[in-house]
Protein backbone atom coordinates (compact mmCIF):
# COMPACT_ATOMS: atom_id res chain seq x y z
CA UNK A 1 -26.07 -47.13 25.49
CA UNK A 2 -24.92 -49.63 22.85
CA UNK A 3 -25.65 -47.00 20.04
CA UNK A 4 -22.98 -44.60 21.40
CA UNK A 5 -19.78 -44.09 19.43
CA UNK A 6 -17.82 -45.58 22.24
CA UNK A 7 -19.49 -48.97 21.84
CA UNK A 8 -19.54 -48.60 18.08
CA UNK A 9 -15.69 -48.42 18.28
CA UNK A 10 -15.32 -51.14 20.95
CA UNK A 11 -17.99 -53.70 19.73
CA UNK A 12 -16.27 -54.73 16.57
CA UNK A 13 -13.07 -55.72 18.35
CA UNK A 14 -15.07 -57.53 21.01
CA UNK A 15 -17.07 -59.30 18.41
CA UNK A 16 -13.99 -60.37 16.48
CA UNK A 17 -12.31 -61.84 19.54
CA UNK A 18 -15.42 -63.64 20.61
CA UNK A 19 -16.07 -65.18 17.04
CA UNK A 20 -12.40 -66.17 16.78
CA UNK A 21 -12.32 -67.78 20.22
CA UNK A 22 -15.62 -69.67 19.55
CA UNK A 23 -14.54 -70.81 16.15
CA UNK A 24 -11.13 -71.99 17.52
CA UNK A 25 -13.05 -73.87 20.45
CA UNK A 26 -15.38 -75.59 17.99
CA UNK A 27 -12.66 -76.60 15.68
CA UNK A 28 -10.40 -78.02 18.55
CA UNK A 29 -13.40 -79.83 19.98
CA UNK A 30 -14.19 -81.33 16.58
CA UNK A 31 -10.62 -82.20 15.94
CA UNK A 32 -10.07 -83.68 19.39
CA UNK A 33 -13.21 -85.75 19.11
CA UNK A 34 -12.18 -87.02 15.63
CA UNK A 35 -8.71 -87.91 16.85
CA UNK A 36 -9.89 -89.68 19.90
CA UNK A 37 -12.34 -91.68 17.87
CA UNK A 38 -9.87 -92.54 15.07
CA UNK A 39 -7.31 -93.68 17.78
CA UNK A 40 -9.87 -95.80 19.54
CA UNK A 41 -11.13 -97.23 16.22
CA UNK A 42 -7.57 -98.15 15.15
CA UNK A 43 -7.00 -99.71 18.71
CA UNK A 44 -10.25 -101.75 18.44
CA UNK A 45 -9.43 -102.97 14.91
CA UNK A 46 -5.96 -104.25 16.18
CA UNK A 47 -7.41 -105.89 19.15
CA UNK A 48 -10.18 -107.60 16.81
CA UNK A 49 -7.40 -109.07 14.70
CA UNK A 50 -5.57 -110.34 17.80
CA UNK A 51 -8.67 -111.98 18.88
CA UNK A 52 -9.24 -113.52 15.54
CA UNK A 53 -5.77 -115.01 15.60
CA UNK A 54 -6.25 -116.62 18.94
CA UNK A 55 -9.73 -118.03 17.98
CA UNK A 56 -8.67 -119.23 14.43
CA UNK A 57 -9.11 -122.87 15.22
CA UNK A 58 -12.56 -122.27 16.85
CA UNK A 59 -13.81 -120.28 13.85
CA UNK A 60 -13.11 -122.92 11.29
CA UNK A 61 -16.09 -124.29 9.40
CA UNK A 62 -17.32 -127.45 11.05
CA UNK A 63 -15.58 -126.47 14.35
CA UNK A 64 -17.85 -123.72 15.43
CA UNK A 65 -19.23 -124.18 18.97
CA UNK A 66 -21.36 -121.08 19.83
CA UNK A 67 -21.23 -121.97 23.57
CA UNK A 68 -17.46 -122.10 23.52
CA UNK A 69 -17.36 -118.97 21.48
CA UNK A 70 -19.53 -117.11 24.08
CA UNK A 71 -17.17 -118.20 26.81
CA UNK A 72 -14.19 -117.08 24.84
CA UNK A 73 -15.91 -113.71 24.28
CA UNK A 74 -16.56 -113.19 27.93
CA UNK A 75 -13.01 -113.86 28.70
CA UNK A 76 -11.78 -111.41 26.13
CA UNK A 77 -14.00 -108.78 27.45
CA UNK A 78 -12.32 -108.97 30.72
CA UNK A 79 -9.07 -108.62 29.15
CA UNK A 80 -9.87 -105.89 26.60
CA UNK A 81 -12.63 -104.10 28.34
CA UNK A 82 -14.64 -104.11 25.36
CA UNK A 83 -17.81 -105.93 24.18
CA UNK A 84 -17.11 -108.75 21.75
CA UNK A 85 -19.28 -110.07 19.26
CA UNK A 86 -18.45 -112.92 16.68
CA UNK A 87 -20.60 -112.85 13.64
CA UNK A 88 -20.78 -115.31 10.72
CA UNK A 89 -20.64 -114.14 7.16
CA UNK A 90 -24.33 -114.39 6.77
CA UNK A 91 -24.91 -112.10 9.72
CA UNK A 92 -25.75 -114.67 12.33
CA UNK A 93 -24.17 -113.99 15.78
CA UNK A 94 -22.21 -117.01 16.81
CA UNK A 95 -20.49 -115.54 19.83
CA UNK A 96 -21.41 -112.66 22.37
CA UNK A 97 -19.80 -111.37 25.53
CA UNK A 98 -22.88 -109.32 26.88
CA UNK A 99 -26.07 -110.57 25.42
CA UNK A 100 -27.94 -113.78 24.80
CA UNK A 101 -27.45 -114.97 21.19
CA UNK A 102 -31.17 -116.30 21.26
CA UNK A 103 -32.32 -112.66 21.76
CA UNK A 104 -30.17 -111.01 19.12
CA UNK A 105 -31.13 -110.20 15.57
CA UNK A 106 -29.21 -110.95 12.55
CA UNK A 107 -26.37 -108.32 12.20
CA UNK A 108 -26.02 -108.39 8.35
CA UNK A 109 -27.78 -104.91 8.21
CA UNK A 110 -25.39 -103.38 10.69
CA UNK A 111 -23.35 -100.51 9.02
CA UNK A 112 -20.01 -101.73 10.33
CA UNK A 113 -20.91 -105.26 9.31
CA UNK A 114 -21.74 -104.16 5.76
CA UNK A 115 -18.65 -101.98 5.49
CA UNK A 116 -16.38 -104.95 6.80
CA UNK A 117 -17.72 -107.21 4.23
CA UNK A 118 -17.01 -104.65 1.56
CA UNK A 119 -13.59 -103.31 2.63
CA UNK A 120 -12.47 -105.67 5.33
CA UNK A 121 -13.00 -103.24 8.11
CA UNK A 122 -15.88 -101.02 9.23
CA UNK A 123 -17.04 -98.89 12.06
CA UNK A 124 -20.01 -96.76 13.22
CA UNK A 125 -21.10 -94.85 16.09
CA UNK A 126 -24.84 -95.15 17.42
CA UNK A 127 -26.84 -95.01 20.48
CA UNK A 128 -27.21 -98.28 22.40
CA UNK A 129 -30.50 -98.75 23.98
CA UNK A 130 -29.06 -101.72 25.93
CA UNK A 131 -26.47 -99.54 27.86
CA UNK A 132 -28.09 -96.17 27.26
CA UNK A 133 -25.24 -94.23 25.70
CA UNK A 134 -23.28 -93.89 22.39
CA UNK A 135 -21.11 -96.88 21.30
CA UNK A 136 -18.26 -97.17 18.80
CA UNK A 137 -18.57 -100.34 16.87
CA UNK A 138 -15.50 -101.63 14.96
CA UNK A 139 -15.82 -104.75 12.80
CA UNK A 140 -12.97 -106.63 11.20
CA UNK A 141 -13.31 -109.39 8.47
CA UNK A 142 -11.13 -112.24 9.60
CA UNK A 143 -8.98 -113.46 7.96
CA UNK A 144 -8.57 -111.03 5.24
CA UNK A 145 -7.90 -113.44 2.16
CA UNK A 146 -10.35 -116.24 2.96
CA UNK A 147 -12.71 -114.79 5.53
CA UNK A 148 -14.49 -117.13 7.79
CA UNK A 149 -16.07 -114.66 10.30
CA UNK A 150 -16.55 -111.10 11.44
CA UNK A 151 -15.11 -109.96 14.76
CA UNK A 152 -16.68 -106.83 16.23
CA UNK A 153 -15.61 -104.99 19.39
CA UNK A 154 -17.53 -102.23 20.82
CA UNK A 155 -16.60 -99.51 23.36
CA UNK A 156 -18.53 -96.70 24.87
CA UNK A 157 -17.62 -93.13 23.78
CA UNK A 158 -18.12 -91.70 27.35
CA UNK A 159 -14.42 -91.19 27.81
CA UNK A 160 -13.94 -89.52 24.43
CA UNK A 161 -17.05 -87.35 25.13
CA UNK A 162 -15.82 -86.49 28.67
CA UNK A 163 -12.45 -85.46 27.19
CA UNK A 164 -14.08 -83.25 24.68
CA UNK A 165 -16.46 -81.71 27.22
CA UNK A 166 -13.42 -80.98 29.48
CA UNK A 167 -11.68 -79.40 26.54
CA UNK A 168 -14.67 -77.40 25.67
CA UNK A 169 -14.96 -76.18 29.15
CA UNK A 170 -11.41 -74.89 29.20
CA UNK A 171 -11.87 -73.25 25.74
CA UNK A 172 -15.06 -71.57 26.93
CA UNK A 173 -13.34 -70.30 30.10
CA UNK A 174 -10.41 -69.03 28.07
CA UNK A 175 -12.83 -67.42 25.63
CA UNK A 176 -14.77 -65.70 28.33
CA UNK A 177 -11.74 -64.41 30.12
CA UNK A 178 -10.23 -63.22 26.81
CA UNK A 179 -13.37 -61.62 25.69
CA UNK A 180 -13.70 -59.83 29.05
CA UNK A 181 -10.11 -58.58 29.03
CA UNK A 182 -10.56 -57.53 25.41
CA UNK A 183 -13.75 -55.78 26.21
CA UNK A 184 -12.32 -53.83 29.14
CA UNK A 185 -9.32 -52.80 26.98
CA UNK A 186 -11.46 -51.91 24.02
CA UNK A 187 -13.92 -50.03 26.17
CA UNK A 188 -11.01 -48.00 27.80
CA UNK A 189 -9.49 -47.20 24.37
CA UNK A 190 -12.90 -46.31 23.00
CA UNK A 191 -13.71 -44.11 25.92
CA UNK A 192 -10.59 -42.06 25.56
CA UNK A 193 -11.25 -41.79 21.87
CA UNK A 194 -14.88 -40.77 22.12
CA UNK A 195 -14.84 -38.67 25.37
CA UNK A 196 -14.36 -35.49 23.50
CA UNK A 197 -17.05 -36.26 21.07
CA UNK A 198 -19.36 -37.09 23.82
CA UNK A 199 -18.70 -33.83 25.50
CA UNK A 200 -19.34 -32.06 22.32
CA UNK A 201 -22.64 -34.04 21.89
CA UNK A 202 -23.87 -32.93 25.26
CA UNK A 203 -23.00 -29.31 24.37
CA UNK A 204 -25.10 -29.70 21.21
CA UNK A 205 -27.98 -31.16 23.04
CA UNK A 206 -27.88 -28.22 25.54
CA UNK A 207 -27.76 -25.80 22.55
CA UNK A 208 -30.65 -27.51 20.92
CA UNK A 209 -32.66 -27.19 24.16
CA UNK A 210 -32.18 -23.46 23.99
CA UNK A 211 -28.98 -22.82 25.96
CA UNK A 212 -27.26 -20.82 23.27
CA UNK A 213 -24.60 -19.55 25.54
CA UNK A 214 -23.27 -23.03 25.95
CA UNK A 215 -19.51 -23.62 24.82
CA UNK A 216 -17.65 -26.87 24.57
CA UNK A 217 -14.10 -27.31 25.80
CA UNK A 218 -11.40 -29.59 24.25
CA UNK A 219 -7.67 -29.71 24.81
CA UNK A 220 -7.10 -31.84 21.70
CA UNK A 221 -5.41 -30.30 18.67
CA UNK A 222 -6.89 -32.97 16.29
CA UNK A 223 -10.04 -32.96 14.13
CA UNK A 224 -12.16 -33.14 17.32
CA UNK A 225 -10.46 -29.96 18.73
CA UNK A 226 -11.04 -28.20 15.38
CA UNK A 227 -14.64 -29.27 15.46
CA UNK A 228 -15.17 -27.84 18.98
CA UNK A 229 -13.79 -24.56 17.96
CA UNK A 230 -16.09 -24.33 15.00
CA UNK A 231 -19.01 -25.40 17.15
CA UNK A 232 -18.19 -22.61 19.67
CA UNK A 233 -17.98 -20.16 16.93
CA UNK A 234 -21.49 -21.20 15.53
CA UNK A 235 -23.11 -20.98 18.99
CA UNK A 236 -21.82 -17.39 19.45
CA UNK A 237 -23.31 -16.42 16.02
CA UNK A 238 -26.59 -18.26 16.84
CA UNK A 239 -26.86 -16.39 20.12
CA UNK A 240 -26.51 -13.13 18.42
CA UNK A 241 -29.04 -13.98 15.66
CA UNK A 242 -31.45 -15.40 18.27
CA UNK A 243 -31.32 -12.14 20.28
CA UNK A 244 -32.16 -10.29 17.18
CA UNK A 245 -34.96 -12.72 16.14
CA UNK A 246 -36.38 -12.73 19.72
CA UNK A 247 -36.66 -9.04 19.64
CA UNK A 248 -38.34 -8.98 16.28
CA UNK A 249 -40.64 -11.69 17.40
CA UNK A 250 -41.65 -9.92 20.52
CA UNK A 251 -42.51 -6.94 18.52
CA UNK A 252 -44.52 -9.05 16.05
CA UNK A 253 -46.35 -10.93 18.79
CA UNK A 254 -47.23 -7.64 20.49
CA UNK A 255 -48.66 -6.19 17.31
CA UNK A 256 -50.62 -9.35 16.59
CA UNK A 257 -51.79 -9.73 20.11
CA UNK A 258 -53.14 -6.13 20.26
CA UNK A 259 -54.56 -5.97 16.62
CA UNK A 260 -58.22 -5.68 16.56
CA UNK A 261 -58.15 -6.96 12.88
CA UNK A 262 -57.95 -10.79 12.38
CA UNK A 263 -54.70 -12.02 10.75
CA UNK A 264 -54.11 -15.53 9.27
CA UNK A 265 -51.21 -16.81 7.18
CA UNK A 266 -52.02 -19.82 5.02
CA UNK A 267 -49.41 -21.78 3.22
CA UNK A 268 -49.60 -23.20 -0.38
CA UNK A 269 -51.29 -26.41 0.88
CA UNK A 270 -54.06 -24.48 2.39
CA UNK A 271 -52.72 -25.06 5.93
CA UNK A 272 -52.90 -22.34 8.51
CA UNK A 273 -49.40 -21.56 9.88
CA UNK A 274 -50.35 -18.34 11.99
CA UNK A 275 -53.40 -16.88 13.35
CA UNK A 276 -53.92 -14.01 15.99
CA UNK A 277 -56.36 -13.75 18.95
CA UNK A 278 -58.51 -11.43 17.00
CA UNK A 279 -59.09 -13.90 14.25
CA UNK A 280 -59.67 -16.69 16.84
CA UNK A 281 -62.40 -14.52 18.34
CA UNK A 282 -63.92 -13.72 15.12
CA UNK A 283 -64.36 -17.23 13.99
CA UNK A 284 -65.02 -18.60 17.63
CA UNK A 285 -61.84 -20.68 17.77
CA UNK A 286 -59.98 -21.95 20.73
CA UNK A 287 -56.39 -20.86 21.20
CA UNK A 288 -54.08 -23.04 19.44
CA UNK A 289 -56.87 -24.95 17.74
CA UNK A 290 -56.23 -23.49 14.06
CA UNK A 291 -52.55 -23.74 13.60
CA UNK A 292 -51.46 -26.76 11.41
CA UNK A 293 -55.07 -27.46 10.33
CA UNK A 294 -56.60 -26.90 6.82
CA UNK A 295 -58.24 -23.49 6.24
CA UNK A 296 -61.50 -24.96 4.86
CA UNK A 297 -61.83 -27.22 7.88
CA UNK A 298 -61.31 -24.67 10.61
CA UNK A 299 -63.16 -21.56 9.40
CA UNK A 300 -66.12 -23.36 7.74
CA UNK A 301 -66.88 -20.24 5.44
CA UNK A 302 -66.44 -20.44 1.82
CA UNK A 303 -65.61 -16.76 1.25
CA UNK A 304 -62.07 -16.88 3.06
CA UNK A 305 -61.31 -20.19 1.26
CA UNK A 306 -62.30 -18.76 -2.21
CA UNK A 307 -60.25 -15.56 -1.45
CA UNK A 308 -57.19 -17.80 -0.59
CA UNK A 309 -57.79 -20.01 -3.66
CA UNK A 310 -58.18 -17.24 -6.21
CA UNK A 311 -55.19 -15.32 -4.73
CA UNK A 312 -53.08 -18.48 -4.79
CA UNK A 313 -54.06 -19.06 -8.55
CA UNK A 314 -53.80 -15.48 -9.80
CA UNK A 315 -51.22 -13.95 -7.37
CA UNK A 316 -53.55 -10.97 -7.16
CA UNK A 317 -54.96 -9.24 -4.10
CA UNK A 318 -58.58 -10.28 -3.37
CA UNK A 319 -61.36 -8.70 -1.29
CA UNK A 320 -64.70 -9.97 0.02
CA UNK A 321 -67.41 -9.06 2.47
CA UNK A 322 -69.18 -11.70 4.40
CA UNK A 323 -71.13 -12.28 7.68
CA UNK A 324 -70.20 -14.77 10.49
CA UNK A 325 -73.23 -16.47 12.26
CA UNK A 326 -75.35 -13.47 11.31
CA UNK A 327 -73.78 -11.41 14.15
CA UNK A 328 -70.46 -10.22 12.59
CA UNK A 329 -69.86 -8.41 9.43
CA UNK A 330 -66.18 -8.85 8.08
CA UNK A 331 -64.29 -7.27 5.35
CA UNK A 332 -61.68 -9.68 4.13
CA UNK A 333 -58.45 -9.09 2.21
CA UNK A 334 -56.05 -11.75 0.63
CA UNK A 335 -52.68 -10.80 -0.41
CA UNK A 336 -49.61 -13.05 -1.49
CA UNK A 337 -46.53 -12.66 0.74
CA UNK A 338 -44.09 -13.09 -2.14
CA UNK A 339 -40.52 -13.72 -1.15
CA UNK A 340 -41.14 -13.25 2.44
CA UNK A 341 -42.99 -16.59 2.54
CA UNK A 342 -43.05 -18.03 -0.88
CA UNK A 343 -46.45 -19.55 -1.70
CA UNK A 344 -48.14 -18.28 1.51
CA UNK A 345 -51.16 -15.96 1.46
CA UNK A 346 -52.01 -13.41 4.24
CA UNK A 347 -55.63 -13.09 5.10
CA UNK A 348 -56.64 -10.03 6.90
CA UNK A 349 -60.17 -9.67 8.31
CA UNK A 350 -61.65 -6.27 9.62
CA UNK A 351 -64.70 -6.09 11.84
CA UNK A 352 -67.18 -3.83 10.04
CA UNK A 353 -70.21 -4.78 12.03
CA UNK A 354 -70.38 -1.37 13.86
CA UNK A 355 -70.05 0.49 10.59
CA UNK A 356 -72.84 -1.54 8.93
CA UNK A 357 -74.99 -1.10 12.12
CA UNK A 358 -74.40 2.72 12.17
CA UNK A 359 -75.18 3.05 8.50
CA UNK A 360 -78.42 1.01 8.95
CA UNK A 361 -79.20 3.05 12.03
CA UNK A 362 -78.52 6.25 10.05
CA UNK A 363 -80.85 5.11 7.23
CA UNK A 364 -83.52 4.06 9.68
CA UNK A 365 -83.25 7.23 11.77
CA UNK A 366 -83.46 9.63 8.67
CA UNK A 367 -86.45 7.55 7.40
CA UNK A 368 -88.14 7.32 10.76
CA UNK A 369 -87.59 11.01 11.65
CA UNK A 370 -88.71 12.17 8.18
CA UNK A 371 -91.98 10.17 8.52
CA UNK A 372 -92.58 11.28 12.20
CA UNK A 373 -91.91 15.04 11.30
CA UNK A 374 -93.93 14.99 8.14
CA UNK A 375 -97.27 14.45 9.93
CA UNK A 376 -97.34 17.35 12.43
CA UNK A 377 -95.50 19.67 9.90
CA UNK A 378 -98.15 18.76 7.29
CA UNK A 379 -100.83 19.45 9.83
CA UNK A 380 -99.33 22.76 10.83
CA UNK A 381 -99.00 23.87 7.17
CA UNK A 382 -102.71 22.82 6.33
CA UNK A 383 -103.86 24.82 9.48
CA UNK A 384 -101.73 27.83 8.57
CA UNK A 385 -103.03 27.82 5.03
CA UNK A 386 -106.58 27.49 6.33
CA UNK A 387 -106.16 30.59 8.59
CA UNK A 388 -104.49 32.46 5.66
CA UNK A 389 -107.35 31.72 3.43
CA UNK A 390 -110.07 33.22 5.64
CA UNK A 391 -110.31 31.32 8.77
CA UNK A 392 -108.97 34.27 10.80
CA UNK A 393 -112.24 36.14 9.99
CA UNK A 394 -114.03 33.39 12.03
CA UNK A 395 -112.71 33.81 15.64
CA UNK A 396 -114.08 30.51 17.07
CA UNK A 397 -112.61 28.63 14.12
CA UNK A 398 -109.30 30.41 14.27
CA UNK A 399 -109.03 29.70 17.91
CA UNK A 400 -109.64 25.93 17.23
CA UNK A 401 -106.89 26.01 14.47
CA UNK A 402 -104.38 27.74 16.78
CA UNK A 403 -105.08 25.18 19.41
CA UNK A 404 -104.53 22.41 16.94
CA UNK A 405 -101.33 24.07 15.81
CA UNK A 406 -100.13 24.30 19.43
CA UNK A 407 -100.85 20.67 19.83
CA UNK A 408 -98.76 19.63 16.90
CA UNK A 409 -95.94 22.04 18.00
CA UNK A 410 -95.93 20.30 21.34
CA UNK A 411 -95.83 16.96 19.74
CA UNK A 412 -92.85 18.16 17.67
CA UNK A 413 -91.13 19.51 20.80
CA UNK A 414 -91.70 16.23 22.60
CA UNK A 415 -90.28 14.33 19.81
CA UNK A 416 -87.21 16.47 19.55
CA UNK A 417 -86.65 16.22 23.39
CA UNK A 418 -86.99 12.49 23.30
CA UNK A 419 -84.57 12.19 20.29
CA UNK A 420 -82.10 14.33 22.18
CA UNK A 421 -82.45 12.17 25.26
CA UNK A 422 -82.05 8.96 23.24
CA UNK A 423 -79.05 10.27 21.52
CA UNK A 424 -77.41 11.27 24.85
CA UNK A 425 -78.15 7.81 26.36
CA UNK A 426 -76.79 5.96 23.27
CA UNK A 427 -73.69 8.00 23.24
CA UNK A 428 -73.07 7.53 27.02
CA UNK A 429 -73.32 11.10 27.78
CA UNK A 430 -76.03 10.58 30.47
CA UNK A 431 -74.25 10.00 33.74
CA UNK A 432 -75.73 7.52 36.28
CA UNK A 433 -75.72 8.22 39.89
CA UNK A 434 -75.57 4.62 41.04
CA UNK A 435 -76.55 4.09 44.69
CA UNK A 436 -77.83 1.24 46.69
CA UNK A 437 -81.67 1.85 46.64
CA UNK A 438 -84.72 -0.05 47.94
CA UNK A 439 -86.95 -1.14 45.11
CA UNK A 440 -90.01 0.17 47.02
CA UNK A 441 -88.38 3.77 47.02
CA UNK A 442 -88.20 3.53 43.17
CA UNK A 443 -91.73 2.10 42.57
CA UNK A 444 -93.73 4.32 45.00
CA UNK A 445 -92.94 7.74 43.43
CA UNK A 446 -93.71 6.54 39.96
CA UNK A 447 -96.90 4.87 41.31
CA UNK A 448 -97.96 8.09 43.00
CA UNK A 449 -97.38 10.22 39.84
CA UNK A 450 -99.76 8.19 37.80
CA UNK A 451 -102.34 7.50 40.37
CA UNK A 452 -104.60 10.38 39.21
CA UNK A 453 -104.25 9.40 35.51
CA UNK A 454 -105.36 5.84 36.30
CA UNK A 455 -108.20 7.17 38.27
CA UNK A 456 -109.49 9.39 35.48
CA UNK A 457 -109.27 6.26 33.14
CA UNK A 458 -111.39 4.29 35.66
CA UNK A 459 -108.60 1.63 36.18
CA UNK A 460 -107.82 -0.40 39.18
CA UNK A 461 -104.18 0.72 40.01
CA UNK A 462 -102.29 -1.53 42.35
CA UNK A 463 -98.70 -1.90 43.80
CA UNK A 464 -97.10 -5.12 44.76
CA UNK A 465 -93.69 -4.81 46.34
CA UNK A 466 -92.24 -6.14 49.55
CA UNK A 467 -90.18 -3.71 51.59
CA UNK A 468 -87.77 -6.60 52.47
CA UNK A 469 -86.35 -6.96 48.87
CA UNK A 470 -82.63 -6.54 48.77
CA UNK A 471 -81.13 -3.17 47.75
CA UNK A 472 -80.43 -2.48 43.95
CA UNK A 473 -77.47 -0.60 42.51
CA UNK A 474 -79.45 2.03 40.53
CA UNK A 475 -79.90 5.66 39.66
CA UNK A 476 -83.41 5.94 41.20
CA UNK A 477 -84.56 8.92 39.05
CA UNK A 478 -83.59 7.01 35.78
CA UNK A 479 -85.39 3.80 36.79
CA UNK A 480 -88.42 5.81 37.88
CA UNK A 481 -88.46 7.41 34.26
CA UNK A 482 -88.60 3.75 32.91
CA UNK A 483 -91.31 2.80 35.22
CA UNK A 484 -93.40 5.97 34.44
CA UNK A 485 -93.06 5.31 30.80
CA UNK A 486 -94.23 1.70 31.12
CA UNK A 487 -97.14 2.72 33.47
CA UNK A 488 -98.20 5.54 31.16
CA UNK A 489 -98.38 3.07 28.19
CA UNK A 490 -100.33 0.50 30.25
CA UNK A 491 -102.80 3.05 31.51
CA UNK A 492 -103.17 4.42 27.98
CA UNK A 493 -103.88 1.00 26.29
CA UNK A 494 -106.23 -0.47 28.97
CA UNK A 495 -109.94 -0.08 28.70
CA UNK A 496 -112.08 1.45 31.53
CA UNK A 497 -112.63 -1.12 34.24
CA UNK A 498 -109.34 -2.85 33.72
CA UNK A 499 -106.45 -3.16 36.09
CA UNK A 500 -102.80 -2.11 36.05
CA UNK A 501 -100.27 -3.47 38.58
CA UNK A 502 -96.65 -2.56 39.28
CA UNK A 503 -94.30 -4.52 41.40
CA UNK A 504 -90.94 -6.15 41.96
CA UNK A 505 -89.61 -9.54 43.07
CA UNK A 506 -86.15 -11.04 43.81
CA UNK A 507 -84.34 -13.34 41.45
CA UNK A 508 -80.86 -14.75 41.34
CA UNK A 509 -78.61 -11.74 41.58
CA UNK A 510 -81.14 -9.25 40.40
CA UNK A 511 -84.52 -7.67 41.22
CA UNK A 512 -87.21 -7.98 38.50
CA UNK A 513 -89.49 -5.16 38.17
CA UNK A 514 -92.70 -5.57 36.29
CA UNK A 515 -95.70 -3.61 34.90
CA UNK A 516 -98.97 -5.78 34.25
CA UNK A 517 -102.05 -4.55 32.40
CA UNK A 518 -105.37 -6.12 31.25
CA UNK A 519 -105.46 -4.03 28.14
CA UNK A 520 -105.55 -4.85 24.33
CA UNK A 521 -102.36 -6.91 24.35
CA UNK A 522 -99.66 -6.95 21.57
CA UNK A 523 -99.51 -9.30 18.75
CA UNK A 524 -96.69 -11.89 18.32
CA UNK A 525 -95.55 -10.13 15.16
CA UNK A 526 -95.07 -6.89 16.94
CA UNK A 527 -93.66 -8.12 20.23
CA UNK A 528 -89.94 -8.59 19.14
CA UNK A 529 -89.76 -5.04 17.77
CA UNK A 530 -91.45 -2.85 20.29
CA UNK A 531 -88.20 -1.59 21.77
CA UNK A 532 -86.96 -0.23 18.43
CA UNK A 533 -86.98 3.43 17.91
CA UNK A 534 -90.11 4.87 16.16
CA UNK A 535 -91.80 1.38 16.09
CA UNK A 536 -95.37 1.39 16.96
CA UNK A 537 -97.43 -1.67 17.40
CA UNK A 538 -100.82 -1.87 15.75
CA UNK A 539 -102.69 -0.77 18.90
CA UNK A 540 -100.46 2.29 19.13
CA UNK A 541 -100.48 3.60 15.60
CA UNK A 542 -103.42 5.78 16.05
CA UNK A 543 -101.98 7.34 19.41
CA UNK A 544 -100.07 10.51 19.74
CA UNK A 545 -96.89 8.79 20.88
CA UNK A 546 -93.33 9.12 19.17
CA UNK A 547 -92.49 5.54 19.25
CA UNK A 548 -89.33 6.50 21.30
CA UNK A 549 -90.42 5.82 24.92
CA UNK A 550 -89.64 2.07 24.83
CA UNK A 551 -86.41 2.57 23.12
CA UNK A 552 -85.30 4.99 25.85
CA UNK A 553 -86.42 2.58 28.44
CA UNK A 554 -84.29 -0.23 26.85
CA UNK A 555 -81.20 1.78 26.79
CA UNK A 556 -81.66 3.08 30.27
CA UNK A 557 -82.13 -0.54 31.73
CA UNK A 558 -79.09 -1.80 29.73
CA UNK A 559 -77.00 1.16 31.03
CA UNK A 560 -77.85 -0.39 34.46
CA UNK A 561 -76.50 -3.85 33.24
CA UNK A 562 -80.12 -5.10 33.16
CA UNK A 563 -82.44 -6.62 30.71
CA UNK A 564 -85.95 -5.60 29.53
CA UNK A 565 -88.54 -7.62 27.78
CA UNK A 566 -92.32 -8.07 27.40
CA UNK A 567 -94.86 -10.90 27.36
CA UNK A 568 -98.24 -10.33 25.85
CA UNK A 569 -101.46 -11.92 24.41
CA UNK A 570 -103.92 -10.17 22.27
CA UNK A 571 -107.14 -9.44 24.19
CA UNK A 572 -105.69 -10.37 27.51
CA UNK A 573 -103.20 -7.84 28.36
CA UNK A 574 -99.37 -7.33 28.59
CA UNK A 575 -96.55 -7.60 31.13
CA UNK A 576 -93.30 -5.58 30.78
CA UNK A 577 -90.20 -6.77 32.82
CA UNK A 578 -86.91 -5.35 33.60
CA UNK A 579 -84.05 -6.35 35.87
CA UNK A 580 -81.71 -4.26 37.93
CA UNK A 581 -78.49 -5.98 39.55
CA UNK A 582 -78.60 -6.20 43.41
CA UNK A 583 -76.15 -3.98 45.07
């Protein structure tokens, strides 16, 4: 409150009046006290000389009788109302109105006595322990030319002090009343003077808070009125500019919000001043965490910092490719913003993970397909050359060669069909007819399809599935295809006398299907890769499979929003698991 312009105007006047009244009060108090004390001192000196004249005979050398002098002193005290002390020139008390001379010390060291001996008259003020208040002591050397004694009168200063205190009270009251009246007057004048300024200040604060449509009013034609008009013109212009900026900001925010590329703007100190949601997601940052923080501290990747640093130094566009947490491949671009934001650098990050994955998949696909096609094609070519070179003349041999060629062609057809199936699944062109289905209705058809194959392989083939399991949301035929693939592999790689079991059980939110065998097992090195396309574990390299069955199974399970994995130990068998969400 006291920092307002109203009080800044009023306070100097109030302070000046207060200081003036206080100084006047102090001066008058000191003056009155000095005047009262001087008058009292003069009165006591006159009375002391009068006493000396009346006691001249008793004060003559050889005629001094202390007892008579004590009695005379007591009589004079009743007359004058002041304490009377008669002192010899050597300081010995020879007469006293109040105290016993026997108990009194030599008075030669008293200030008023010393001054009287030097100048003829002396006085001093000091606290009396006898009476408990200040006393004025006035001493006169009597007579002046041929002194024979010192006559000292003492009177309490209580009356003087009472008069001074009364005056101080009156002055203090007057000071307070005057200050109060002056304060009210000054506050009123300051209020009238500052009211337009305060109104303008309130309008400025509302504008600062965002109310750009605010206008101040003032009827004055002085400088404050001119300032108000200028303020209103300024707010109108600000409102127009703000509307334009808000529109542009909305456009920019919408673009940055929807961009899939990460965008950062870093100032010349290396501090991030802007970041979009895509960049926050790329670098696993929380919203609002990066702005205002150093680039090197927030991203924790040396490539973006080096791009910014080199671009800042050379003022040239910089590019770099790097990985984030081994899961995300980014293509970075650093470019100076020039006059738009002097000293700032724009960092643009594009997610190229999918492109890299597609390129890697393309290379792997070409390599795998070339490898898998080379073997049956080479076999067919060798068999056809053998037939051409004379095997046709031997009907039994020719029949064997043709059967081998038919087998290789069947393998090629199977591979092509599985490749087409996998391609359709990966591209999302295989529609799923999802319906609530009992797990037992999925397992039983697959089990029945492979019972004969398990019997021919001399295997124990069991099913373990409760009919009370909850329904799953699945395309029954597609999940059966997964089970058939897993059961086929389990039967193929289990020695006669072994056991293959298929079943399902409930877990939290899903039903877990499983196929368990007592076959050769899978090594720990092969286990993480068995669901890759064309990958064959050591146990399967000599088999006729394409290496695509488990890849197809994985994609089919993932299309049902499930997971598939395997657990195995060499020589003890394998267990394949996959989950399907509960309906």
